[in-house]
Amino acid sequence: MSDKVNGLMGAFVALAYCFMGGYLILNPLSNIAQMIFADANWVIALGVLVFAYGSFRGYRAYQKLKSEAKDDDDKESYQYYDESKK
């Protein structure tokens, strides 16, 4: 249960990073972006990096959730060592 919550939280954080990166790419002249870098080209570059990092985190969260589902199936299939289902 705890691993599933961690995986879902990781997916949410990945979406937040992607949203933040997309915002910086689409609005390089916004006040928030200008507080980070004065030049719009640097803001766009940072936005691309943040979006790429969010995509990487999303991929890792997907892998974690996928492996948890597989582990849950294995636990149900091999519940007893002598392979007898009670």
Protein backbone atom coordinates (compact mmCIF):
# COMPACT_ATOMS: atom_id res chain seq x y z
CA MET A 1 0.00 0.00 0.00
CA SER A 2 2.75 2.42 0.96
CA ASP A 3 4.67 1.72 -2.26
CA LYS A 4 1.60 2.47 -4.33
CA VAL A 5 1.12 5.81 -2.56
CA ASN A 6 4.79 6.64 -3.15
CA GLY A 7 4.42 5.78 -6.84
CA LEU A 8 1.32 7.93 -7.21
CA MET A 9 3.01 10.82 -5.40
CA GLY A 10 5.99 10.47 -7.73
CA ALA A 11 3.64 10.65 -10.72
CA PHE A 12 2.00 13.78 -9.31
CA VAL A 13 5.38 15.46 -8.75
CA ALA A 14 6.43 14.51 -12.28
CA LEU A 15 3.31 16.20 -13.66
CA ALA A 16 4.10 19.28 -11.58
CA TYR A 17 7.62 19.44 -13.02
CA CYS A 18 6.27 19.04 -16.57
CA PHE A 19 3.71 21.78 -15.96
CA MET A 20 6.37 24.10 -14.54
CA GLY A 21 8.72 23.43 -17.45
CA GLY A 22 5.94 23.98 -19.98
CA TYR A 23 4.99 27.24 -18.28
CA LEU A 24 8.57 28.49 -18.49
CA ILE A 25 8.81 27.50 -22.16
CA LEU A 26 5.52 29.11 -23.15
CA ASN A 27 5.85 32.26 -20.98
CA PRO A 28 9.55 33.19 -20.88
CA LEU A 29 8.75 36.86 -20.28
CA SER A 30 6.47 36.34 -17.27
CA ASN A 31 7.37 37.91 -13.94
CA ILE A 32 8.14 34.55 -12.36
CA ALA A 33 10.51 33.63 -15.18
CA GLN A 34 12.20 37.04 -15.10
CA MET A 35 12.99 36.55 -11.39
CA ILE A 36 15.07 33.49 -12.33
CA PHE A 37 16.87 34.77 -15.46
CA ALA A 38 16.64 38.12 -17.19
CA ASP A 39 17.20 36.70 -20.67
CA ALA A 40 14.28 34.83 -22.27
CA ASN A 41 16.61 32.32 -23.97
CA TRP A 42 17.94 31.14 -20.61
CA VAL A 43 14.40 30.81 -19.29
CA ILE A 44 13.43 28.64 -22.27
CA ALA A 45 16.54 26.48 -21.75
CA LEU A 46 15.68 26.04 -18.08
CA GLY A 47 12.09 25.20 -19.03
CA VAL A 48 13.29 22.48 -21.40
CA LEU A 49 15.51 21.01 -18.68
CA VAL A 50 12.73 21.07 -16.08
CA PHE A 51 10.28 19.49 -18.54
CA ALA A 52 12.82 16.77 -19.42
CA TYR A 53 13.42 16.08 -15.72
CA GLY A 54 9.67 15.84 -15.14
CA SER A 55 9.36 13.39 -18.03
CA PHE A 56 12.17 11.28 -16.56
CA ARG A 57 10.50 11.27 -13.16
CA GLY A 58 7.20 10.31 -14.79
CA TYR A 59 8.85 7.39 -16.57
CA ARG A 60 10.42 6.21 -13.31
CA ALA A 61 7.07 6.48 -11.50
CA TYR A 62 5.42 4.47 -14.29
CA GLN A 63 8.08 1.78 -13.97
CA LYS A 64 7.62 1.66 -10.21
CA LEU A 65 3.84 1.37 -10.43
CA LYS A 66 4.14 -1.27 -13.14
CA SER A 67 6.59 -3.37 -11.11
CA GLU A 68 4.37 -3.09 -8.02
CA ALA A 69 1.42 -4.45 -9.96
CA LYS A 70 3.58 -7.36 -11.14
CA ASP A 71 4.81 -8.01 -7.59
CA ASP A 72 1.23 -8.05 -6.32
CA ASP A 73 0.32 -10.65 -8.96
CA ASP A 74 3.31 -12.79 -7.96
CA LYS A 75 2.36 -12.63 -4.29
CA GLU A 76 -1.13 -13.90 -5.06
CA SER A 77 0.14 -16.66 -7.36
CA TYR A 78 2.76 -18.05 -4.98
CA GLN A 79 1.18 -17.61 -1.62
CA TYR A 80 2.32 -20.97 -0.22
CA TYR A 81 5.70 -22.65 -0.63
CA ASP A 82 4.27 -26.09 -1.28
CA GLU A 83 2.09 -24.58 -4.05
CA SER A 84 -1.12 -25.73 -2.42
CA LYS A 85 -3.94 -23.23 -2.37
CA LYS A 86 -5.96 -23.24 0.82
